[in-house]
Amino acid sequence: MTAYFAVRPGETCNFPMRLPGAMHNSGVSQKPAHGTLRQINVTTFRYTAASGYKGNDTFAIYGEGKGPYGSGRSVMTVNATIE
């Protein structure tokens, strides 16, 4: 899975990770290089872009749980555009 969003330097973006079924655990697989990423709860993360930086940033988050076709882990790569 891949997600995209845009944010201004120094600003914050909250976003949920929505997977079919029940998510029991989640976390950060790869930290962003040009900002900070904080987990709010099992489904929601908060990205804050570095002040003064403009460009792209990438990070990855994962969710674990049980879906309609079985159990396992899904990884989402998130591409941020800081403009």
PDB file of N, CA and C in Angstrom:
ATOM      1  N   MET A   1       0.839  -1.172   0.000  1.00  0.00           N
ATOM      2  CA  MET A   1       0.000   0.000   0.000  1.00  0.00           C
ATOM      3  C   MET A   1       0.886   1.238   0.000  1.00  0.00           C
ATOM      4  N   THR A   2       0.389   2.275  -0.638  1.00  0.00           N
ATOM      5  CA  THR A   2       1.105   3.546  -0.685  1.00  0.00           C
ATOM      6  C   THR A   2       0.117   4.673  -0.429  1.00  0.00           C
ATOM      7  N   ALA A   3       0.541   5.656   0.340  1.00  0.00           N
ATOM      8  CA  ALA A   3      -0.284   6.836   0.624  1.00  0.00           C
ATOM      9  C   ALA A   3       0.519   8.089   0.301  1.00  0.00           C
ATOM     10  N   TYR A   4      -0.198   9.173   0.000  1.00  0.00           N
ATOM     11  CA  TYR A   4       0.424  10.452  -0.351  1.00  0.00           C
ATOM     12  C   TYR A   4      -0.286  11.577   0.387  1.00  0.00           C
ATOM     13  N   PHE A   5       0.470  12.587   0.802  1.00  0.00           N
ATOM     14  CA  PHE A   5      -0.127  13.809   1.333  1.00  0.00           C
ATOM     15  C   PHE A   5       0.861  14.952   1.188  1.00  0.00           C
ATOM     16  N   ALA A   6       0.346  16.171   1.323  1.00  0.00           N
ATOM     17  CA  ALA A   6       1.180  17.378   1.239  1.00  0.00           C
ATOM     18  C   ALA A   6       1.006  18.187   2.516  1.00  0.00           C
ATOM     19  N   VAL A   7       2.087  18.838   2.938  1.00  0.00           N
ATOM     20  CA  VAL A   7       2.079  19.648   4.153  1.00  0.00           C
ATOM     21  C   VAL A   7       3.104  20.770   3.977  1.00  0.00           C
ATOM     22  N   ARG A   8       2.947  21.839   4.720  1.00  0.00           N
ATOM     23  CA  ARG A   8       3.903  22.952   4.674  1.00  0.00           C
ATOM     24  C   ARG A   8       5.014  22.723   5.703  1.00  0.00           C
ATOM     25  N   PRO A   9       6.186  23.330   5.494  1.00  0.00           N
ATOM     26  CA  PRO A   9       7.281  23.184   6.460  1.00  0.00           C
ATOM     27  C   PRO A   9       6.838  23.559   7.879  1.00  0.00           C
ATOM     28  N   GLY A  10       7.176  22.743   8.850  1.00  0.00           N
ATOM     29  CA  GLY A  10       6.851  22.999  10.245  1.00  0.00           C
ATOM     30  C   GLY A  10       5.426  22.663  10.640  1.00  0.00           C
ATOM     31  N   GLU A  11       4.574  22.274   9.687  1.00  0.00           N
ATOM     32  CA  GLU A  11       3.180  21.969  10.000  1.00  0.00           C
ATOM     33  C   GLU A  11       2.976  20.474  10.212  1.00  0.00           C
ATOM     34  N   THR A  12       1.804  20.147  10.746  1.00  0.00           N
ATOM     35  CA  THR A  12       1.471  18.793  11.159  1.00  0.00           C
ATOM     36  C   THR A  12       0.330  18.230  10.325  1.00  0.00           C
ATOM     37  N   CYS A  13       0.359  16.925  10.122  1.00  0.00           N
ATOM     38  CA  CYS A  13      -0.716  16.217   9.431  1.00  0.00           C
ATOM     39  C   CYS A  13      -1.042  14.957  10.225  1.00  0.00           C
ATOM     40  N   ASN A  14      -2.289  14.825  10.681  1.00  0.00           N
ATOM     41  CA  ASN A  14      -2.748  13.593  11.320  1.00  0.00           C
ATOM     42  C   ASN A  14      -3.390  12.724  10.256  1.00  0.00           C
ATOM     43  N   PHE A  15      -3.129  11.431  10.297  1.00  0.00           N
ATOM     44  CA  PHE A  15      -3.780  10.554   9.330  1.00  0.00           C
ATOM     45  C   PHE A  15      -4.008   9.178   9.936  1.00  0.00           C
ATOM     46  N   PRO A  16      -5.150   8.570   9.594  1.00  0.00           N
ATOM     47  CA  PRO A  16      -5.452   7.226  10.084  1.00  0.00           C
ATOM     48  C   PRO A  16      -4.940   6.163   9.122  1.00  0.00           C
ATOM     49  N   MET A  17      -4.667   5.013   9.644  1.00  0.00           N
ATOM     50  CA  MET A  17      -4.344   3.838   8.835  1.00  0.00           C
ATOM     51  C   MET A  17      -5.569   2.943   8.906  1.00  0.00           C
ATOM     52  N   ARG A  18      -6.293   2.846   7.818  1.00  0.00           N
ATOM     53  CA  ARG A  18      -7.544   2.078   7.794  1.00  0.00           C
ATOM     54  C   ARG A  18      -7.335   0.781   7.025  1.00  0.00           C
ATOM     55  N   LEU A  19      -7.542  -0.318   7.713  1.00  0.00           N
ATOM     56  CA  LEU A  19      -7.447  -1.635   7.098  1.00  0.00           C
ATOM     57  C   LEU A  19      -8.751  -2.376   7.357  1.00  0.00           C
ATOM     58  N   PRO A  20      -9.206  -3.195   6.414  1.00  0.00           N
ATOM     59  CA  PRO A  20     -10.419  -3.974   6.657  1.00  0.00           C
ATOM     60  C   PRO A  20     -10.191  -4.961   7.802  1.00  0.00           C
ATOM     61  N   GLY A  21     -11.169  -5.111   8.675  1.00  0.00           N
ATOM     62  CA  GLY A  21     -11.044  -6.043   9.793  1.00  0.00           C
ATOM     63  C   GLY A  21     -10.685  -5.325  11.077  1.00  0.00           C
ATOM     64  N   ALA A  22      -9.987  -6.021  11.954  1.00  0.00           N
ATOM     65  CA  ALA A  22      -9.612  -5.484  13.265  1.00  0.00           C
ATOM     66  C   ALA A  22      -8.097  -5.366  13.363  1.00  0.00           C
ATOM     67  N   MET A  23      -7.619  -4.156  13.632  1.00  0.00           N
ATOM     68  CA  MET A  23      -6.183  -3.933  13.791  1.00  0.00           C
ATOM     69  C   MET A  23      -5.853  -3.976  15.285  1.00  0.00           C
ATOM     70  N   HIS A  24      -4.901  -4.829  15.650  1.00  0.00           N
ATOM     71  CA  HIS A  24      -4.544  -5.024  17.055  1.00  0.00           C
ATOM     72  C   HIS A  24      -3.226  -4.375  17.443  1.00  0.00           C
ATOM     73  N   ASN A  25      -2.376  -4.107  16.461  1.00  0.00           N
ATOM     74  CA  ASN A  25      -1.063  -3.545  16.745  1.00  0.00           C
ATOM     75  C   ASN A  25      -0.611  -2.745  15.531  1.00  0.00           C
ATOM     76  N   SER A  26       0.176  -1.722  15.764  1.00  0.00           N
ATOM     77  CA  SER A  26       0.730  -0.934  14.659  1.00  0.00           C
ATOM     78  C   SER A  26       1.995  -0.239  15.137  1.00  0.00           C
ATOM     79  N   GLY A  27       2.734   0.308  14.180  1.00  0.00           N
ATOM     80  CA  GLY A  27       3.959   1.000  14.543  1.00  0.00           C
ATOM     81  C   GLY A  27       4.661   1.562  13.328  1.00  0.00           C
ATOM     82  N   VAL A  28       5.870   2.036  13.548  1.00  0.00           N
ATOM     83  CA  VAL A  28       6.674   2.666  12.502  1.00  0.00           C
ATOM     84  C   VAL A  28       7.712   1.660  12.011  1.00  0.00           C
ATOM     85  N   SER A  29       7.718   1.396  10.702  1.00  0.00           N
ATOM     86  CA  SER A  29       8.712   0.509  10.092  1.00  0.00           C
ATOM     87  C   SER A  29       9.947   1.270   9.644  1.00  0.00           C
ATOM     88  N   GLN A  30       9.729   2.485   9.151  1.00  0.00           N
ATOM     89  CA  GLN A  30      10.828   3.339   8.671  1.00  0.00           C
ATOM     90  C   GLN A  30      10.518   4.775   9.073  1.00  0.00           C
ATOM     91  N   LYS A  31      11.440   5.413   9.783  1.00  0.00           N
ATOM     92  CA  LYS A  31      11.247   6.794  10.230  1.00  0.00           C
ATOM     93  C   LYS A  31      11.444   7.773   9.076  1.00  0.00           C
ATOM     94  N   PRO A  32      10.777   8.932   9.129  1.00  0.00           N
ATOM     95  CA  PRO A  32      10.995   9.956   8.104  1.00  0.00           C
ATOM     96  C   PRO A  32      12.364  10.613   8.269  1.00  0.00           C
ATOM     97  N   ALA A  33      12.923  11.089   7.164  1.00  0.00           N
ATOM     98  CA  ALA A  33      14.232  11.741   7.197  1.00  0.00           C
ATOM     99  C   ALA A  33      14.126  13.241   7.436  1.00  0.00           C
ATOM    100  N   HIS A  34      12.975  13.840   7.108  1.00  0.00           N
ATOM    101  CA  HIS A  34      12.840  15.302   7.156  1.00  0.00           C
ATOM    102  C   HIS A  34      11.652  15.750   7.998  1.00  0.00           C
ATOM    103  N   GLY A  35      11.399  15.036   9.068  1.00  0.00           N
ATOM    104  CA  GLY A  35      10.299  15.386   9.959  1.00  0.00           C
ATOM    105  C   GLY A  35      10.235  14.378  11.087  1.00  0.00           C
ATOM    106  N   THR A  36       9.179  14.475  11.883  1.00  0.00           N
ATOM    107  CA  THR A  36       8.978  13.539  12.982  1.00  0.00           C
ATOM    108  C   THR A  36       7.646  12.834  12.799  1.00  0.00           C
ATOM    109  N   LEU A  37       7.574  11.616  13.299  1.00  0.00           N
ATOM    110  CA  LEU A  37       6.371  10.806  13.208  1.00  0.00           C
ATOM    111  C   LEU A  37       6.044  10.291  14.592  1.00  0.00           C
ATOM    112  N   ARG A  38       4.807  10.511  15.014  1.00  0.00           N
ATOM    113  CA  ARG A  38       4.368  10.091  16.344  1.00  0.00           C
ATOM    114  C   ARG A  38       3.109   9.249  16.205  1.00  0.00           C
ATOM    115  N   GLN A  39       3.053   8.153  16.928  1.00  0.00           N
ATOM    116  CA  GLN A  39       1.854   7.322  16.922  1.00  0.00           C
ATOM    117  C   GLN A  39       0.898   7.844  17.986  1.00  0.00           C
ATOM    118  N   ILE A  40      -0.331   8.192  17.572  1.00  0.00           N
ATOM    119  CA  ILE A  40      -1.350   8.726  18.485  1.00  0.00           C
ATOM    120  C   ILE A  40      -2.109   7.589  19.166  1.00  0.00           C
ATOM    121  N   ASN A  41      -2.539   6.602  18.376  1.00  0.00           N
ATOM    122  CA  ASN A  41      -3.200   5.402  18.888  1.00  0.00           C
ATOM    123  C   ASN A  41      -2.965   4.279  17.882  1.00  0.00           C
ATOM    124  N   VAL A  42      -3.664   3.173  18.010  1.00  0.00           N
ATOM    125  CA  VAL A  42      -3.378   2.017  17.157  1.00  0.00           C
ATOM    126  C   VAL A  42      -3.639   2.295  15.676  1.00  0.00           C
ATOM    127  N   THR A  43      -4.496   3.261  15.347  1.00  0.00           N
ATOM    128  CA  THR A  43      -4.816   3.528  13.940  1.00  0.00           C
ATOM    129  C   THR A  43      -4.378   4.896  13.438  1.00  0.00           C
ATOM    130  N   THR A  44      -3.897   5.783  14.298  1.00  0.00           N
ATOM    131  CA  THR A  44      -3.625   7.164  13.884  1.00  0.00           C
ATOM    132  C   THR A  44      -2.180   7.564  14.162  1.00  0.00           C
ATOM    133  N   PHE A  45      -1.596   8.253  13.175  1.00  0.00           N
ATOM    134  CA  PHE A  45      -0.223   8.747  13.265  1.00  0.00           C
ATOM    135  C   PHE A  45      -0.209  10.248  12.982  1.00  0.00           C
ATOM    136  N   ARG A  46       0.815  10.941  13.506  1.00  0.00           N
ATOM    137  CA  ARG A  46       0.972  12.386  13.287  1.00  0.00           C
ATOM    138  C   ARG A  46       2.375  12.651  12.750  1.00  0.00           C
ATOM    139  N   TYR A  47       2.406  13.266  11.570  1.00  0.00           N
ATOM    140  CA  TYR A  47       3.666  13.648  10.938  1.00  0.00           C
ATOM    141  C   TYR A  47       3.831  15.152  11.073  1.00  0.00           C
ATOM    142  N   THR A  48       5.024  15.599  11.472  1.00  0.00           N
ATOM    143  CA  THR A  48       5.354  17.016  11.521  1.00  0.00           C
ATOM    144  C   THR A  48       6.576  17.241  10.645  1.00  0.00           C
ATOM    145  N   ALA A  49       6.404  18.083   9.624  1.00  0.00           N
ATOM    146  CA  ALA A  49       7.497  18.378   8.698  1.00  0.00           C
ATOM    147  C   ALA A  49       8.527  19.275   9.374  1.00  0.00           C
ATOM    148  N   ALA A  50       9.782  19.083   9.034  1.00  0.00           N
ATOM    149  CA  ALA A  50      10.856  19.911   9.579  1.00  0.00           C
ATOM    150  C   ALA A  50      10.684  21.359   9.119  1.00  0.00           C
ATOM    151  N   SER A  51      10.914  22.297  10.022  1.00  0.00           N
ATOM    152  CA  SER A  51      10.849  23.724   9.679  1.00  0.00           C
ATOM    153  C   SER A  51      11.948  24.054   8.684  1.00  0.00           C
ATOM    154  N   GLY A  52      11.616  24.837   7.679  1.00  0.00           N
ATOM    155  CA  GLY A  52      12.608  25.280   6.711  1.00  0.00           C
ATOM    156  C   GLY A  52      12.923  24.287   5.605  1.00  0.00           C
ATOM    157  N   TYR A  53      12.353  23.084   5.665  1.00  0.00           N
ATOM    158  CA  TYR A  53      12.631  22.083   4.629  1.00  0.00           C
ATOM    159  C   TYR A  53      11.508  22.077   3.595  1.00  0.00           C
ATOM    160  N   LYS A  54      11.882  22.027   2.330  1.00  0.00           N
ATOM    161  CA  LYS A  54      10.919  21.839   1.244  1.00  0.00           C
ATOM    162  C   LYS A  54      11.434  20.711   0.374  1.00  0.00           C
ATOM    163  N   GLY A  55      10.563  19.800   0.036  1.00  0.00           N
ATOM    164  CA  GLY A  55      10.950  18.646  -0.771  1.00  0.00           C
ATOM    165  C   GLY A  55      10.085  17.455  -0.421  1.00  0.00           C
ATOM    166  N   ASN A  56      10.645  16.278  -0.572  1.00  0.00           N
ATOM    167  CA  ASN A  56       9.903  15.046  -0.320  1.00  0.00           C
ATOM    168  C   ASN A  56      10.434  14.328   0.909  1.00  0.00           C
ATOM    169  N   ASP A  57       9.560  13.560   1.523  1.00  0.00           N
ATOM    170  CA  ASP A  57       9.930  12.719   2.650  1.00  0.00           C
ATOM    171  C   ASP A  57       9.157  11.413   2.510  1.00  0.00           C
ATOM    172  N   THR A  58       9.735  10.340   2.990  1.00  0.00           N
ATOM    173  CA  THR A  58       9.099   9.030   2.913  1.00  0.00           C
ATOM    174  C   THR A  58       9.282   8.312   4.237  1.00  0.00           C
ATOM    175  N   PHE A  59       8.232   7.614   4.661  1.00  0.00           N
ATOM    176  CA  PHE A  59       8.327   6.764   5.838  1.00  0.00           C
ATOM    177  C   PHE A  59       7.373   5.596   5.656  1.00  0.00           C
ATOM    178  N   ALA A  60       7.444   4.619   6.543  1.00  0.00           N
ATOM    179  CA  ALA A  60       6.580   3.446   6.449  1.00  0.00           C
ATOM    180  C   ALA A  60       6.007   3.112   7.820  1.00  0.00           C
ATOM    181  N   ILE A  61       4.738   2.724   7.818  1.00  0.00           N
ATOM    182  CA  ILE A  61       4.050   2.288   9.030  1.00  0.00           C
ATOM    183  C   ILE A  61       3.447   0.908   8.765  1.00  0.00           C
ATOM    184  N   TYR A  62       3.152   0.186   9.829  1.00  0.00           N
ATOM    185  CA  TYR A  62       2.555  -1.137   9.664  1.00  0.00           C
ATOM    186  C   TYR A  62       1.355  -1.299  10.582  1.00  0.00           C
ATOM    187  N   GLY A  63       0.476  -2.198  10.199  1.00  0.00           N
ATOM    188  CA  GLY A  63      -0.667  -2.580  11.011  1.00  0.00           C
ATOM    189  C   GLY A  63      -0.763  -4.097  11.044  1.00  0.00           C
ATOM    190  N   GLU A  64      -1.071  -4.635  12.214  1.00  0.00           N
ATOM    191  CA  GLU A  64      -1.228  -6.077  12.375  1.00  0.00           C
ATOM    192  C   GLU A  64      -2.620  -6.363  12.907  1.00  0.00           C
ATOM    193  N   GLY A  65      -3.223  -7.404  12.393  1.00  0.00           N
ATOM    194  CA  GLY A  65      -4.548  -7.757  12.867  1.00  0.00           C
ATOM    195  C   GLY A  65      -5.162  -8.856  12.039  1.00  0.00           C
ATOM    196  N   LYS A  66      -6.496  -8.899  12.083  1.00  0.00           N
ATOM    197  CA  LYS A  66      -7.239  -9.925  11.373  1.00  0.00           C
ATOM    198  C   LYS A  66      -8.179  -9.247  10.400  1.00  0.00           C
ATOM    199  N   GLY A  67      -8.061  -9.637   9.136  1.00  0.00           N
ATOM    200  CA  GLY A  67      -8.911  -9.093   8.089  1.00  0.00           C
ATOM    201  C   GLY A  67      -9.868 -10.140   7.562  1.00  0.00           C
ATOM    202  N   PRO A  68     -10.606  -9.800   6.517  1.00  0.00           N
ATOM    203  CA  PRO A  68     -11.597 -10.726   5.971  1.00  0.00           C
ATOM    204  C   PRO A  68     -10.984 -11.986   5.351  1.00  0.00           C
ATOM    205  N   TYR A  69      -9.691 -11.953   5.014  1.00  0.00           N
ATOM    206  CA  TYR A  69      -9.060 -13.101   4.355  1.00  0.00           C
ATOM    207  C   TYR A  69      -7.956 -13.742   5.181  1.00  0.00           C
ATOM    208  N   GLY A  70      -7.813 -13.337   6.445  1.00  0.00           N
ATOM    209  CA  GLY A  70      -6.796 -13.931   7.299  1.00  0.00           C
ATOM    210  C   GLY A  70      -6.125 -12.905   8.186  1.00  0.00           C
ATOM    211  N   SER A  71      -5.107 -13.354   8.900  1.00  0.00           N
ATOM    212  CA  SER A  71      -4.364 -12.499   9.824  1.00  0.00           C
ATOM    213  C   SER A  71      -2.992 -12.190   9.247  1.00  0.00           C
ATOM    214  N   GLY A  72      -2.401 -11.083   9.722  1.00  0.00           N
ATOM    215  CA  GLY A  72      -1.053 -10.764   9.280  1.00  0.00           C
ATOM    216  C   GLY A  72      -0.706  -9.314   9.463  1.00  0.00           C
ATOM    217  N   ARG A  73       0.323  -8.895   8.733  1.00  0.00           N
ATOM    218  CA  ARG A  73       0.855  -7.536   8.824  1.00  0.00           C
ATOM    219  C   ARG A  73       0.769  -6.880   7.457  1.00  0.00           C
ATOM    220  N   SER A  74       0.298  -5.647   7.443  1.00  0.00           N
ATOM    221  CA  SER A  74       0.293  -4.825   6.230  1.00  0.00           C
ATOM    222  C   SER A  74       1.212  -3.640   6.456  1.00  0.00           C
ATOM    223  N   VAL A  75       2.014  -3.318   5.453  1.00  0.00           N
ATOM    224  CA  VAL A  75       2.929  -2.182   5.532  1.00  0.00           C
ATOM    225  C   VAL A  75       2.473  -1.129   4.531  1.00  0.00           C
ATOM    226  N   MET A  76       2.432   0.121   4.991  1.00  0.00           N
ATOM    227  CA  MET A  76       2.056   1.241   4.136  1.00  0.00           C
ATOM    228  C   MET A  76       3.246   2.181   4.006  1.00  0.00           C
ATOM    229  N   THR A  77       3.675   2.437   2.789  1.00  0.00           N
ATOM    230  CA  THR A  77       4.698   3.437   2.511  1.00  0.00           C
ATOM    231  C   THR A  77       3.994   4.768   2.306  1.00  0.00           C
ATOM    232  N   VAL A  78       4.444   5.793   3.010  1.00  0.00           N
ATOM    233  CA  VAL A  78       3.804   7.109   2.946  1.00  0.00           C
ATOM    234  C   VAL A  78       4.788   8.104   2.342  1.00  0.00           C
ATOM    235  N   ASN A  79       4.346   8.796   1.301  1.00  0.00           N
ATOM    236  CA  ASN A  79       5.150   9.806   0.614  1.00  0.00           C
ATOM    237  C   ASN A  79       4.587  11.181   0.929  1.00  0.00           C
ATOM    238  N   ALA A  80       5.384  12.014   1.571  1.00  0.00           N
ATOM    239  CA  ALA A  80       4.973  13.368   1.930  1.00  0.00           C
ATOM    240  C   ALA A  80       5.662  14.368   1.009  1.00  0.00           C
ATOM    241  N   THR A  81       4.902  15.357   0.584  1.00  0.00           N
ATOM    242  CA  THR A  81       5.459  16.477  -0.163  1.00  0.00           C
ATOM    243  C   THR A  81       5.404  17.688   0.747  1.00  0.00           C
ATOM    244  N   ILE A  82       6.553  18.260   1.065  1.00  0.00           N
ATOM    245  CA  ILE A  82       6.619  19.447   1.912  1.00  0.00           C
ATOM    246  C   ILE A  82       6.813  20.625   0.972  1.00  0.00           C
ATOM    247  N   GLU A  83       5.781  21.484   0.905  1.00  0.00           N
ATOM    248  CA  GLU A  83       5.805  22.579  -0.079  1.00  0.00           C
ATOM    249  C   GLU A  83       5.629  23.941   0.541  1.00  0.00           C
TER     250      GLU A  83
END
